[in-house]
C-alpha atoms as a PDB file:
ATOM      1  CA  MET A   1      -0.235 151.139 117.287  1.00  0.00           C
ATOM      2  CA  SER A   2      -2.230 148.161 115.362  1.00  0.00           C
ATOM      3  CA  ASP A   3      -0.515 144.799 114.135  1.00  0.00           C
ATOM      4  CA  ALA A   4      -0.094 146.118 110.868  1.00  0.00           C
ATOM      5  CA  GLY A   5       1.628 149.535 112.213  1.00  0.00           C
ATOM      6  CA  ILE A   6       3.812 147.353 114.504  1.00  0.00           C
ATOM      7  CA  ILE A   7       4.939 145.090 111.579  1.00  0.00           C
ATOM      8  CA  GLU A   8       5.776 147.966 109.122  1.00  0.00           C
ATOM      9  CA  GLU A   9       8.106 149.232 112.059  1.00  0.00           C
ATOM     10  CA  ILE A  10       9.474 145.685 112.540  1.00  0.00           C
ATOM     11  CA  LEU A  11      10.470 145.562 108.613  1.00  0.00           C
ATOM     12  CA  ARG A  12      11.933 149.693 108.974  1.00  0.00           C
ATOM     13  CA  LEU A  13      13.870 148.484 111.790  1.00  0.00           C
ATOM     14  CA  LYS A  14      15.327 145.228 110.447  1.00  0.00           C
ATOM     15  CA  LYS A  15      16.423 146.661 107.440  1.00  0.00           C
ATOM     16  CA  GLU A  16      18.014 149.701 109.237  1.00  0.00           C
ATOM     17  CA  ARG A  17      19.984 147.576 111.597  1.00  0.00           C
ATOM     18  CA  ARG A  18      20.734 144.753 109.145  1.00  0.00           C
ATOM     19  CA  ALA A  19      18.833 142.187 111.151  1.00  0.00           C
ATOM     20  CA  ILE A  20      17.359 138.867 110.594  1.00  0.00           C
ATOM     21  CA  ILE A  21      14.289 137.433 112.264  1.00  0.00           C
ATOM     22  CA  ILE A  22      14.332 133.562 113.121  1.00  0.00           C
ATOM     23  CA  ALA A  23      11.287 132.046 114.876  1.00  0.00           C
ATOM     24  CA  HIS A  24      11.112 128.567 116.064  1.00  0.00           C
ATOM     25  CA  ASN A  25       8.352 126.326 114.921  1.00  0.00           C
ATOM     26  CA  TYR A  26       6.549 126.545 118.059  1.00  0.00           C
ATOM     27  CA  GLN A  27       6.419 130.384 118.360  1.00  0.00           C
ATOM     28  CA  ARG A  28       2.677 131.787 117.870  1.00  0.00           C
ATOM     29  CA  GLU A  29       1.281 132.310 114.114  1.00  0.00           C
ATOM     30  CA  GLU A  30       1.844 135.896 113.734  1.00  0.00           C
ATOM     31  CA  VAL A  31       5.449 135.677 114.769  1.00  0.00           C
ATOM     32  CA  GLN A  32       6.374 132.996 112.706  1.00  0.00           C
ATOM     33  CA  GLU A  33       4.793 134.946 109.638  1.00  0.00           C
ATOM     34  CA  ILE A  34       6.967 138.358 110.250  1.00  0.00           C
ATOM     35  CA  ALA A  35       9.987 136.026 110.253  1.00  0.00           C
ATOM     36  CA  ASP A  36      12.941 135.503 107.739  1.00  0.00           C
ATOM     37  CA  PHE A  37      13.396 131.796 108.357  1.00  0.00           C
ATOM     38  CA  THR A  38      11.685 129.090 110.809  1.00  0.00           C
ATOM     39  CA  GLY A  39      12.514 125.853 112.039  1.00  0.00           C
ATOM     40  CA  ASP A  40      14.242 123.761 114.967  1.00  0.00           C
ATOM     41  CA  SER A  41      16.642 125.852 117.200  1.00  0.00           C
ATOM     42  CA  LEU A  42      20.119 124.185 115.918  1.00  0.00           C
ATOM     43  CA  GLU A  43      18.851 124.527 112.061  1.00  0.00           C
ATOM     44  CA  LEU A  44      17.903 128.163 112.693  1.00  0.00           C
ATOM     45  CA  SER A  45      21.219 128.967 114.613  1.00  0.00           C
ATOM     46  CA  ARG A  46      23.150 128.031 111.811  1.00  0.00           C
ATOM     47  CA  THR A  47      21.480 129.131 109.082  1.00  0.00           C
ATOM     48  CA  ALA A  48      21.580 132.761 111.174  1.00  0.00           C
ATOM     49  CA  SER A  49      25.515 131.974 111.055  1.00  0.00           C
ATOM     50  CA  THR A  50      25.651 131.869 107.052  1.00  0.00           C
ATOM     51  CA  ILE A  51      23.355 135.066 106.499  1.00  0.00           C
ATOM     52  CA  ASP A  52      25.407 138.492 106.258  1.00  0.00           C
ATOM     53  CA  CYS A  53      23.780 140.790 109.163  1.00  0.00           C
ATOM     54  CA  SER A  54      24.752 142.378 111.975  1.00  0.00           C
ATOM     55  CA  VAL A  55      21.314 141.192 114.310  1.00  0.00           C
ATOM     56  CA  ILE A  56      19.849 137.888 114.769  1.00  0.00           C
ATOM     57  CA  VAL A  57      16.481 138.355 116.863  1.00  0.00           C
ATOM     58  CA  PHE A  58      15.577 135.007 117.757  1.00  0.00           C
ATOM     59  CA  CYS A  59      12.220 134.387 118.658  1.00  0.00           C
ATOM     60  CA  GLY A  60      12.285 131.163 120.508  1.00  0.00           C
ATOM     61  CA  VAL A  61      13.853 130.516 124.360  1.00  0.00           C
ATOM     62  CA  ASN A  62      16.858 131.127 126.414  1.00  0.00           C
ATOM     63  CA  PHE A  63      18.930 128.238 125.101  1.00  0.00           C
ATOM     64  CA  MET A  64      18.374 129.058 121.455  1.00  0.00           C
ATOM     65  CA  ALA A  65      19.728 132.458 121.735  1.00  0.00           C
ATOM     66  CA  GLU A  66      22.625 131.087 123.376  1.00  0.00           C
ATOM     67  CA  SER A  67      23.107 128.655 120.314  1.00  0.00           C
ATOM     68  CA  ALA A  68      22.926 131.237 118.095  1.00  0.00           C
ATOM     69  CA  SER A  69      25.389 133.532 120.110  1.00  0.00           C
ATOM     70  CA  ILE A  70      27.345 130.399 120.071  1.00  0.00           C
ATOM     71  CA  LEU A  71      27.768 129.833 116.447  1.00  0.00           C
ATOM     72  CA  SER A  72      27.855 133.638 115.508  1.00  0.00           C
ATOM     73  CA  PRO A  73      30.012 135.423 118.359  1.00  0.00           C
ATOM     74  CA  GLU A  74      30.327 138.658 115.663  1.00  0.00           C
ATOM     75  CA  LYS A  75      26.532 139.306 115.671  1.00  0.00           C
ATOM     76  CA  THR A  76      24.212 140.875 118.135  1.00  0.00           C
ATOM     77  CA  VAL A  77      21.668 138.404 119.258  1.00  0.00           C
ATOM     78  CA  LEU A  78      18.584 139.516 120.677  1.00  0.00           C
ATOM     79  CA  LEU A  79      15.703 137.453 122.589  1.00  0.00           C
ATOM     80  CA  PRO A  80      12.450 139.476 122.312  1.00  0.00           C
ATOM     81  CA  GLU A  81      11.525 138.048 125.975  1.00  0.00           C
ATOM     82  CA  LEU A  82      14.352 137.366 128.344  1.00  0.00           C
ATOM     83  CA  GLY A  83      11.901 135.459 130.717  1.00  0.00           C
ATOM     84  CA  ALA A  84      11.490 133.061 127.658  1.00  0.00           C
ATOM     85  CA  CYS A  85      12.903 129.729 129.012  1.00  0.00           C
ATOM     86  CA  CYS A  86      13.086 126.033 128.501  1.00  0.00           C
ATOM     87  CA  PRO A  87      12.641 124.431 132.176  1.00  0.00           C
ATOM     88  CA  MET A  88      13.934 121.167 131.147  1.00  0.00           C
ATOM     89  CA  ALA A  89      17.248 123.126 129.430  1.00  0.00           C
ATOM     90  CA  ASP A  90      17.527 125.353 132.767  1.00  0.00           C
ATOM     91  CA  LEU A  91      16.925 122.512 135.343  1.00  0.00           C
ATOM     92  CA  ILE A  92      20.331 120.988 134.910  1.00  0.00           C
ATOM     93  CA  ARG A  93      23.131 122.690 136.103  1.00  0.00           C
ATOM     94  CA  VAL A  94      26.882 121.554 135.978  1.00  0.00           C
ATOM     95  CA  SER A  95      26.835 121.817 139.524  1.00  0.00           C
ATOM     96  CA  GLY A  96      25.110 122.840 142.566  1.00  0.00           C
ATOM     97  CA  PRO A  97      21.085 122.529 142.997  1.00  0.00           C
ATOM     98  CA  ARG A  98      18.742 122.945 139.924  1.00  0.00           C
ATOM     99  CA  LYS A  99      15.881 126.221 140.086  1.00  0.00           C
ATOM    100  CA  PRO A 100      12.380 124.724 141.474  1.00  0.00           C
ATOM    101  CA  TRP A 101      10.163 123.867 138.740  1.00  0.00           C
ATOM    102  CA  GLU A 102       7.429 126.308 140.546  1.00  0.00           C
ATOM    103  CA  SER A 103       9.704 129.265 139.837  1.00  0.00           C
ATOM    104  CA  TYR A 104       8.938 129.255 136.169  1.00  0.00           C
ATOM    105  CA  PRO A 105       6.200 131.207 134.920  1.00  0.00           C
ATOM    106  CA  GLY A 106       3.407 129.025 133.565  1.00  0.00           C
ATOM    107  CA  TYR A 107       3.555 126.378 135.983  1.00  0.00           C
ATOM    108  CA  LYS A 108       0.450 126.811 137.556  1.00  0.00           C
ATOM    109  CA  GLU A 109      -1.124 125.990 134.169  1.00  0.00           C
ATOM    110  CA  GLN A 110       0.712 122.945 134.060  1.00  0.00           C
ATOM    111  CA  PRO A 111       0.406 119.403 135.965  1.00  0.00           C
ATOM    112  CA  LYS A 112       2.831 119.079 138.834  1.00  0.00           C
ATOM    113  CA  LEU A 113       6.045 117.178 138.145  1.00  0.00           C
ATOM    114  CA  ILE A 114       8.386 115.576 140.429  1.00  0.00           C
ATOM    115  CA  PHE A 115      11.944 114.979 139.911  1.00  0.00           C
ATOM    116  CA  PRO A 116      13.083 112.145 142.049  1.00  0.00           C
ATOM    117  CA  ILE A 117      16.805 112.513 141.325  1.00  0.00           C
ATOM    118  CA  ASP A 118      18.869 115.729 142.398  1.00  0.00           C
ATOM    119  CA  TYR A 119      21.822 114.985 140.338  1.00  0.00           C
ATOM    120  CA  SER A 120      24.053 118.044 138.959  1.00  0.00           C
ATOM    121  CA  LEU A 121      25.807 117.330 135.679  1.00  0.00           C
ATOM    122  CA  ASN A 122      28.946 116.979 137.718  1.00  0.00           C
ATOM    123  CA  ASP A 123      27.262 114.541 139.756  1.00  0.00           C
ATOM    124  CA  ILE A 124      26.485 112.396 137.180  1.00  0.00           C
ATOM    125  CA  LYS A 125      30.400 112.416 136.003  1.00  0.00           C
ATOM    126  CA  LYS A 126      31.654 111.308 139.333  1.00  0.00           C
ATOM    127  CA  ALA A 127      28.862 108.533 139.521  1.00  0.00           C
ATOM    128  CA  TYR A 128      30.157 107.343 136.009  1.00  0.00           C
ATOM    129  CA  PRO A 129      33.796 108.337 135.873  1.00  0.00           C
ATOM    130  CA  GLY A 130      35.029 108.276 132.175  1.00  0.00           C
ATOM    131  CA  VAL A 131      31.857 107.620 130.747  1.00  0.00           C
ATOM    132  CA  PRO A 132      31.123 110.015 127.367  1.00  0.00           C
ATOM    133  CA  VAL A 133      28.244 112.368 128.055  1.00  0.00           C
ATOM    134  CA  VAL A 134      26.244 113.643 125.332  1.00  0.00           C
ATOM    135  CA  ALA A 135      24.147 116.929 125.784  1.00  0.00           C
ATOM    136  CA  TYR A 136      20.737 117.483 123.761  1.00  0.00           C
ATOM    137  CA  VAL A 137      20.724 120.818 122.151  1.00  0.00           C
ATOM    138  CA  ASN A 138      17.877 121.913 124.306  1.00  0.00           C
ATOM    139  CA  THR A 139      20.350 122.700 127.061  1.00  0.00           C
ATOM    140  CA  THR A 140      22.282 125.860 128.312  1.00  0.00           C
ATOM    141  CA  ALA A 141      25.532 126.724 126.731  1.00  0.00           C
ATOM    142  CA  GLU A 142      27.375 125.896 130.268  1.00  0.00           C
ATOM    143  CA  ILE A 143      26.192 122.262 129.902  1.00  0.00           C
ATOM    144  CA  LYS A 144      27.410 122.529 126.309  1.00  0.00           C
ATOM    145  CA  ALA A 145      30.826 123.611 127.467  1.00  0.00           C
ATOM    146  CA  ASN A 146      31.068 120.540 129.784  1.00  0.00           C
ATOM    147  CA  VAL A 147      30.002 117.491 127.634  1.00  0.00           C
ATOM    148  CA  ASP A 148      31.672 115.758 124.959  1.00  0.00           C
ATOM    149  CA  ILE A 149      29.498 116.173 122.217  1.00  0.00           C
ATOM    150  CA  CYS A 150      25.982 117.664 121.386  1.00  0.00           C
ATOM    151  CA  CYS A 151      22.860 115.831 119.531  1.00  0.00           C
ATOM    152  CA  THR A 152      19.852 116.821 118.173  1.00  0.00           C
ATOM    153  CA  SER A 153      16.349 114.862 118.469  1.00  0.00           C
ATOM    154  CA  ALA A 154      17.027 113.829 115.010  1.00  0.00           C
ATOM    155  CA  ASN A 155      20.178 112.444 115.363  1.00  0.00           C
ATOM    156  CA  VAL A 156      20.734 111.207 118.979  1.00  0.00           C
ATOM    157  CA  VAL A 157      21.301 107.580 117.885  1.00  0.00           C
ATOM    158  CA  LYS A 158      23.790 108.120 115.176  1.00  0.00           C
ATOM    159  CA  VAL A 159      25.650 110.328 118.089  1.00  0.00           C
ATOM    160  CA  ILE A 160      25.752 107.866 120.254  1.00  0.00           C
ATOM    161  CA  GLU A 161      26.477 104.903 117.662  1.00  0.00           C
ATOM    162  CA  SER A 162      29.843 107.379 117.122  1.00  0.00           C
ATOM    163  CA  ILE A 163      31.351 107.257 120.197  1.00  0.00           C
ATOM    164  CA  PRO A 164      33.633 105.104 121.511  1.00  0.00           C
ATOM    165  CA  GLY A 165      32.802 101.995 124.214  1.00  0.00           C
ATOM    166  CA  ASP A 166      29.736 100.434 125.188  1.00  0.00           C
ATOM    167  CA  GLU A 167      28.136 103.108 127.691  1.00  0.00           C
ATOM    168  CA  VAL A 168      27.179 106.707 127.242  1.00  0.00           C
ATOM    169  CA  ILE A 169      25.597 109.419 129.515  1.00  0.00           C
ATOM    170  CA  CYS A 170      22.657 111.690 127.735  1.00  0.00           C
ATOM    171  CA  VAL A 171      21.400 114.433 129.355  1.00  0.00           C
ATOM    172  CA  PRO A 172      18.869 116.020 129.882  1.00  0.00           C
ATOM    173  CA  ASP A 173      15.772 114.254 128.404  1.00  0.00           C
ATOM    174  CA  LYS A 174      14.848 110.937 129.552  1.00  0.00           C
ATOM    175  CA  ASN A 175      12.467 110.520 126.998  1.00  0.00           C
ATOM    176  CA  LEU A 176      15.009 110.999 124.471  1.00  0.00           C
ATOM    177  CA  SER A 177      17.343 109.070 125.888  1.00  0.00           C
ATOM    178  CA  MET A 178      14.685 105.567 126.346  1.00  0.00           C
ATOM    179  CA  TRP A 179      14.223 106.242 122.294  1.00  0.00           C
ATOM    180  CA  ALA A 180      17.714 106.186 121.861  1.00  0.00           C
ATOM    181  CA  GLN A 181      18.405 103.097 124.196  1.00  0.00           C
ATOM    182  CA  LYS A 182      15.632 101.378 121.848  1.00  0.00           C
ATOM    183  CA  ASN A 183      17.692 102.005 118.827  1.00  0.00           C
ATOM    184  CA  THR A 184      21.078 101.061 119.817  1.00  0.00           C
ATOM    185  CA  LYS A 185      23.064  98.547 121.971  1.00  0.00           C
ATOM    186  CA  LYS A 186      25.113 100.752 124.225  1.00  0.00           C
ATOM    187  CA  LYS A 187      23.983 101.078 127.687  1.00  0.00           C
ATOM    188  CA  VAL A 188      22.283 105.251 127.527  1.00  0.00           C
ATOM    189  CA  ILE A 189      22.740 106.586 131.183  1.00  0.00           C
ATOM    190  CA  ALA A 190      20.019 108.902 131.544  1.00  0.00           C
ATOM    191  CA  TRP A 191      19.215 111.731 133.646  1.00  0.00           C
ATOM    192  CA  ASP A 192      15.718 112.300 134.819  1.00  0.00           C
ATOM    193  CA  GLY A 193      14.643 115.553 133.364  1.00  0.00           C
ATOM    194  CA  PHE A 194      11.613 115.926 130.381  1.00  0.00           C
ATOM    195  CA  CYS A 195       9.533 118.576 128.410  1.00  0.00           C
ATOM    196  CA  HIS A 196       6.587 118.880 130.075  1.00  0.00           C
ATOM    197  CA  VAL A 197       4.618 119.754 127.371  1.00  0.00           C
ATOM    198  CA  HIS A 198       5.658 116.336 125.159  1.00  0.00           C
ATOM    199  CA  ASP A 199       5.779 113.992 128.937  1.00  0.00           C
ATOM    200  CA  ARG A 200       2.370 114.679 129.689  1.00  0.00           C
ATOM    201  CA  ILE A 201       1.045 112.781 126.855  1.00  0.00           C
ATOM    202  CA  ARG A 202       0.290 109.099 127.401  1.00  0.00           C
ATOM    203  CA  ARG A 203      -0.583 105.931 125.492  1.00  0.00           C
ATOM    204  CA  GLU A 204      -3.989 106.358 125.632  1.00  0.00           C
ATOM    205  CA  ASP A 205      -4.153 109.672 124.543  1.00  0.00           C
ATOM    206  CA  ALA A 206      -2.467 108.344 121.350  1.00  0.00           C
ATOM    207  CA  LEU A 207      -4.812 105.359 121.253  1.00  0.00           C
ATOM    208  CA  ARG A 208      -7.877 107.667 121.840  1.00  0.00           C
ATOM    209  CA  ALA A 209      -6.582 110.239 119.192  1.00  0.00           C
ATOM    210  CA  ARG A 210      -6.207 107.170 116.767  1.00  0.00           C
ATOM    211  CA  GLU A 211      -9.997 106.223 117.308  1.00  0.00           C
ATOM    212  CA  GLU A 212     -11.197 110.013 116.897  1.00  0.00           C
ATOM    213  CA  HIS A 213      -9.203 110.059 113.676  1.00  0.00           C
ATOM    214  CA  PRO A 214      -8.792 106.523 112.094  1.00  0.00           C
ATOM    215  CA  ASN A 215      -7.793 107.499 108.495  1.00  0.00           C
ATOM    216  CA  ALA A 216      -4.607 109.786 110.137  1.00  0.00           C
ATOM    217  CA  LEU A 217      -0.847 108.880 110.563  1.00  0.00           C
ATOM    218  CA  LEU A 218       0.290 109.391 114.113  1.00  0.00           C
ATOM    219  CA  MET A 219       3.440 111.864 114.160  1.00  0.00           C
ATOM    220  CA  ALA A 220       5.388 112.079 117.680  1.00  0.00           C
ATOM    221  CA  HIS A 221       8.384 113.952 118.545  1.00  0.00           C
ATOM    222  CA  PRO A 222      11.238 111.841 120.531  1.00  0.00           C
ATOM    223  CA  GLU A 223      10.674 113.584 123.919  1.00  0.00           C
ATOM    224  CA  CYS A 224       7.139 111.862 124.272  1.00  0.00           C
ATOM    225  CA  ARG A 225       7.082 108.958 126.577  1.00  0.00           C
ATOM    226  CA  LEU A 226       8.141 105.654 124.953  1.00  0.00           C
ATOM    227  CA  GLU A 227       5.064 104.292 125.179  1.00  0.00           C
ATOM    228  CA  VAL A 228       3.807 106.982 123.079  1.00  0.00           C
ATOM    229  CA  LEU A 229       6.245 106.415 120.497  1.00  0.00           C
ATOM    230  CA  GLU A 230       5.849 102.970 120.097  1.00  0.00           C
ATOM    231  CA  VAL A 231       2.328 103.175 118.847  1.00  0.00           C
ATOM    232  CA  ALA A 232       3.283 106.173 116.540  1.00  0.00           C
ATOM    233  CA  ASP A 233       3.536 105.824 113.082  1.00  0.00           C
ATOM    234  CA  HIS A 234       6.397 107.865 112.591  1.00  0.00           C
ATOM    235  CA  VAL A 235       9.126 109.518 115.253  1.00  0.00           C
ATOM    236  CA  THR A 236      10.789 112.563 114.140  1.00  0.00           C
ATOM    237  CA  SER A 237      11.922 115.976 115.008  1.00  0.00           C
ATOM    238  CA  THR A 238       9.681 118.961 114.208  1.00  0.00           C
ATOM    239  CA  SER A 239      11.590 119.729 110.867  1.00  0.00           C
ATOM    240  CA  GLY A 240      11.528 115.727 110.014  1.00  0.00           C
ATOM    241  CA  MET A 241       7.146 115.724 110.911  1.00  0.00           C
ATOM    242  CA  LEU A 242       7.507 118.965 108.200  1.00  0.00           C
ATOM    243  CA  ARG A 243       9.424 116.611 105.537  1.00  0.00           C
ATOM    244  CA  TYR A 244       7.253 113.705 106.684  1.00  0.00           C
ATOM    245  CA  ALA A 245       3.632 115.492 105.919  1.00  0.00           C
ATOM    246  CA  LYS A 246       4.783 116.850 102.529  1.00  0.00           C
ATOM    247  CA  SER A 247       6.299 113.675 101.178  1.00  0.00           C
ATOM    248  CA  SER A 248       4.027 111.232 102.187  1.00  0.00           C
ATOM    249  CA  PRO A 249       1.026 110.373 100.041  1.00  0.00           C
ATOM    250  CA  HIS A 250      -1.503 110.345 103.278  1.00  0.00           C
ATOM    251  CA  ASN A 251      -3.493 113.535 103.356  1.00  0.00           C
ATOM    252  CA  GLU A 252      -4.518 113.493 107.298  1.00  0.00           C
ATOM    253  CA  PHE A 253      -1.983 113.594 110.161  1.00  0.00           C
ATOM    254  CA  ILE A 254      -2.119 113.916 114.051  1.00  0.00           C
ATOM    255  CA  VAL A 255       0.577 115.632 115.309  1.00  0.00           C
ATOM    256  CA  GLY A 256       2.248 114.565 118.707  1.00  0.00           C
ATOM    257  CA  THR A 257       4.552 117.614 119.444  1.00  0.00           C
ATOM    258  CA  GLU A 258       3.606 121.520 120.689  1.00  0.00           C
ATOM    259  CA  THR A 259       0.883 122.725 118.843  1.00  0.00           C
ATOM    260  CA  GLY A 260       2.684 125.780 117.537  1.00  0.00           C
ATOM    261  CA  LEU A 261       3.896 123.579 114.486  1.00  0.00           C
ATOM    262  CA  MET A 262       0.153 123.047 113.420  1.00  0.00           C
ATOM    263  CA  TYR A 263       0.371 126.654 111.958  1.00  0.00           C
ATOM    264  CA  ARG A 264       3.657 125.529 109.182  1.00  0.00           C
ATOM    265  CA  LEU A 265       2.230 122.127 108.910  1.00  0.00           C
ATOM    266  CA  LYS A 266      -0.996 123.495 107.418  1.00  0.00           C
ATOM    267  CA  LYS A 267       0.374 126.649 105.453  1.00  0.00           C
ATOM    268  CA  GLU A 268       2.785 123.904 103.684  1.00  0.00           C
ATOM    269  CA  ASN A 269       0.266 121.344 103.233  1.00  0.00           C
ATOM    270  CA  PRO A 270      -3.014 123.188 102.023  1.00  0.00           C
ATOM    271  CA  GLY A 271      -4.638 120.137 101.015  1.00  0.00           C
ATOM    272  CA  LYS A 272      -4.203 117.850 104.180  1.00  0.00           C
ATOM    273  CA  ILE A 273      -5.727 117.821 107.391  1.00  0.00           C
ATOM    274  CA  PHE A 274      -3.782 117.837 110.929  1.00  0.00           C
ATOM    275  CA  HIS A 275      -5.098 117.103 114.296  1.00  0.00           C
ATOM    276  CA  PRO A 276      -3.071 117.742 117.852  1.00  0.00           C
ATOM    277  CA  LEU A 277      -2.915 114.786 119.651  1.00  0.00           C
ATOM    278  CA  ARG A 278      -4.055 116.465 122.747  1.00  0.00           C
ATOM    279  CA  LYS A 279      -4.943 120.481 122.261  1.00  0.00           C
ATOM    280  CA  ASP A 280      -3.204 121.286 125.661  1.00  0.00           C
ATOM    281  CA  MET A 281       0.345 120.523 123.819  1.00  0.00           C
ATOM    282  CA  VAL A 282       1.183 124.363 124.306  1.00  0.00           C
ATOM    283  CA  CYS A 283       4.545 125.442 125.877  1.00  0.00           C
ATOM    284  CA  PRO A 284       3.661 128.900 127.498  1.00  0.00           C
ATOM    285  CA  ASN A 285       7.265 130.088 127.528  1.00  0.00           C
ATOM    286  CA  MET A 286       7.217 129.546 123.356  1.00  0.00           C
ATOM    287  CA  LYS A 287       4.085 131.740 122.767  1.00  0.00           C
ATOM    288  CA  LYS A 288       5.554 134.973 125.055  1.00  0.00           C
ATOM    289  CA  THR A 289       7.102 136.325 122.408  1.00  0.00           C
ATOM    290  CA  THR A 290       4.938 138.796 120.364  1.00  0.00           C
ATOM    291  CA  LEU A 291       4.956 141.484 117.735  1.00  0.00           C
ATOM    292  CA  GLN A 292       5.399 143.956 120.367  1.00  0.00           C
ATOM    293  CA  SER A 293       8.154 142.024 122.015  1.00  0.00           C
ATOM    294  CA  VAL A 294       9.796 142.108 118.553  1.00  0.00           C
ATOM    295  CA  LEU A 295       9.513 145.356 117.977  1.00  0.00           C
ATOM    296  CA  ARG A 296      11.099 146.386 121.270  1.00  0.00           C
ATOM    297  CA  ALA A 297      14.009 144.074 120.929  1.00  0.00           C
ATOM    298  CA  LEU A 298      15.082 145.919 117.428  1.00  0.00           C
ATOM    299  CA  LYS A 299      14.133 149.355 118.722  1.00  0.00           C
ATOM    300  CA  GLU A 300      15.729 149.557 122.082  1.00  0.00           C
ATOM    301  CA  ASN A 301      18.793 147.095 121.637  1.00  0.00           C
ATOM    302  CA  VAL A 302      17.171 144.984 124.737  1.00  0.00           C
ATOM    303  CA  ASN A 303      18.065 141.516 125.769  1.00  0.00           C
ATOM    304  CA  VAL A 304      21.188 140.996 124.092  1.00  0.00           C
ATOM    305  CA  VAL A 305      22.302 137.289 124.786  1.00  0.00           C
ATOM    306  CA  LYS A 306      26.033 137.082 124.503  1.00  0.00           C
ATOM    307  CA  VAL A 307      27.959 133.572 125.943  1.00  0.00           C
ATOM    308  CA  PRO A 308      31.169 134.747 127.461  1.00  0.00           C
ATOM    309  CA  GLU A 309      34.168 133.413 125.154  1.00  0.00           C
ATOM    310  CA  ASP A 310      35.214 130.668 127.989  1.00  0.00           C
ATOM    311  CA  ILE A 311      32.166 128.991 127.707  1.00  0.00           C
ATOM    312  CA  ARG A 312      31.254 129.661 124.014  1.00  0.00           C
ATOM    313  CA  VAL A 313      34.378 128.238 122.751  1.00  0.00           C
ATOM    314  CA  PRO A 314      34.097 124.509 124.811  1.00  0.00           C
ATOM    315  CA  ALA A 315      30.011 124.693 123.678  1.00  0.00           C
ATOM    316  CA  LYS A 316      31.349 125.166 120.001  1.00  0.00           C
ATOM    317  CA  ARG A 317      33.782 122.366 120.029  1.00  0.00           C
ATOM    318  CA  ALA A 318      30.963 119.867 121.331  1.00  0.00           C
ATOM    319  CA  LEU A 319      28.594 121.333 118.522  1.00  0.00           C
ATOM    320  CA  ASP A 320      31.262 120.839 116.085  1.00  0.00           C
ATOM    321  CA  ARG A 321      31.834 117.453 116.746  1.00  0.00           C
ATOM    322  CA  MET A 322      28.201 116.496 116.148  1.00  0.00           C
ATOM    323  CA  LEU A 323      28.316 118.654 113.112  1.00  0.00           C
ATOM    324  CA  ALA A 324      31.431 116.482 111.536  1.00  0.00           C
ATOM    325  CA  LEU A 325      28.976 113.598 111.911  1.00  0.00           C
END
């Protein structure tokens, strides 16, 4: 079946099943194009919870579909590719050993990464008893259910500042934690996790990109290393980059995040120029979802993601505390 035929069938099934399709900013171009909404993970889950529909097709990775299930328990949530995971989210466990990085598809295509600390969430809590725990939304539902509050890459500092006391534990992204530490007087206790796409960028990469594009402003995601963020013109989430590029009088930008965002940046700003900070900033898991897998999920109702109530309720509580800010 041609792409046009697949799209036609997707649209038919979407109407028949009262479904909406939501796609993360890092998805393939053709997947973003058929989506009803594109955006950040939590932004999409919140949007989906307000739409009168029966089915949510989440074109993203596992923890994102879980968030949609947490906020819309009455709806059927489908993840087109069940193997689409977020290694950073999956590596941290409430208890027990973490899943080895080598077990993830696409690992061999990435630089070898080493985690010198093998703490579970419970290990961290035991090491720092009574210290509040903040979990990045890029975590599993189980982790969210066992922390005090959640945060996004955009509001991490605000969330940390809202918590009483002088110390806070922040999991799982050490780079996001270090960025927060730079912008708060509280002590941020970080876990040694990271996003392999953003963490591979070094200061010299950012400086090289500046040399190659001297008239461009550098936007960087806070999942990048602090050494990169310190030389950026603007540090923000993917949605923040979209807003910044649109509102800025500048017409040329270096994009320090997964290359999937380039599609929407160019689409929404046809008169502006965008360069990837590095061309290999590609998440293989985000690229697993295809038009064919979206069609299969809708047609066969496969890969249903349903968070159990005993996890969903406390996880939603941690999200609600953040949203209340």
